[in-house]
Amino acid sequence: MAYDFHKLKTVSVADGAVTLRIPERWDVVPHERDEGRWGCYEEEVEGEDTDTGTLWIGIQHFQYNCESVGDQQDTRMMAEQFSQRREPNDPPYLENVVQPVDQGHRWFRMFDGEEDGDRLRFWFSHLFLKRGDHVAIAHFNFVLPHYRMDDPEFVELREIMEREIEAAFLDPFRKDEIEEIEQLFGPLQICNFDNQVKIELPEAMGCWPHGGDDDPPDKCWYCRLDIGTSHAGMFVYADDLNFAFEEDGPQMGEPSGEGGDKETQGADDEISREILEHVFQKVVSEWTGVPEDIPRNIRMPWGIVHYEVTDDQDSGDVSDDTDADAADENRPLRNHLWKLLCHDGLRNRRVQVLLMTAIADANKPPYAALAAYMQRAVRRAEFPGFPAPERYPA
């Protein structure tokens, strides 16, 4: 029997707090008693368990009061304390490690156990995440029956789930981030850039097409947010790309029309995340001049994000030619650059977001807060035309 575990879908639980890809054949089932827990597995067929693996997802939130702020909030310490707790009947760990991750630390443990007479192996990840005095713990518990362990398809499933858990988008502090940015700039709205990409931005930030010799008006947009006597400028660029298969391996092809090159697409077309990341890093290096051996890529359920920040002493924001801006054009800029690749089969959408602020303003609270908000906003981007996540509320 072919299980086709490589055919994946994206699911999002707890109002977007956790988003990741799982096999298409799995269902998502809220836990009967625990509101913060979901099971991902293939439900019984004719009353029989299919034994095609299970992933449990959980999320918890905590907030420390003022007297508690301090070492208790250190996510490394929290993860290490949990990793050292042992009960007399606990099975021995086959692996037990604490490592840093985005927003905090991960405690990973692997062990064997038994339930209802079945021998099982557990791969358990606990991610301790912190923002201010808010802490969230995300849990991923992947389980396989022992008799499946050496089956090649289930070895592949284990590798797939290790990769997808690593690439999961954890966004437990979204409400706090939005409240803080709205206090500075007012309400947010979803900005739809020609149905290529949707990003949530302040309503006060104006956006309009910005065409030029190299940037057709339907591919590039300029956004501007006035802050006091200065402003932040932002360019957004988006198009579809295909892979071209050359003698030395897959390469990024030229921009395609909406839907991409049909001759290179099909229901079973897939390219590994490792190849995708390697090719994208190569293309990013050409775009930015950053050597390929300096990885700055962050895996996402929908693809990859590349981020870098540079200071440019010579260039200015030349998006407007009004007299008021003329004196501002040559101001030294801090450039925050995000390059996104949304990936589905052999189809890819490339998005660039360039946020520019004056270096003199970069560390001032409004500008620093905007740059910090954009770090998460670009990861929350939506890509019309690509499969949307199956959403399961809290």
Foldseek 3Di string as FASTA:
>chain_A
DDPPFVQWAWAAEAFRQKIWIGGPQWDWAQDPPDNFKIKTGHDDDPNHHPQLKIKMKGKDKDFDDPVPPDPVLAQQVVLVVVLPDDDPPDFDWPDWDWDADVQHIKTWTWGWDDDPRFIKIWTKIWTWGDDDRMIMIMIIIIMGTPVCCPPVVVVVNVVVVVVGVQQMDRDPCVVVLQVVLCVVQNHWDWDQLLLFKTFIDRPQKDKAFDDDPVAHSSFKMKIWHDDPLFIKIKMKGKFKWFWDQDPVGTAIHDTDHPPPDVVQDDPPFADDLVSLQQRVLVVVCVVPVDDSVPDQWRHHNFHIKGKDKDKAQAFAPPRDDDPSCPVRGGAIKIWIKMWDWGDDRRMIMIMIMIMIDHPVCCPPVSNVSVVVSVVVRVSVMDGRPDDDHHYHHD
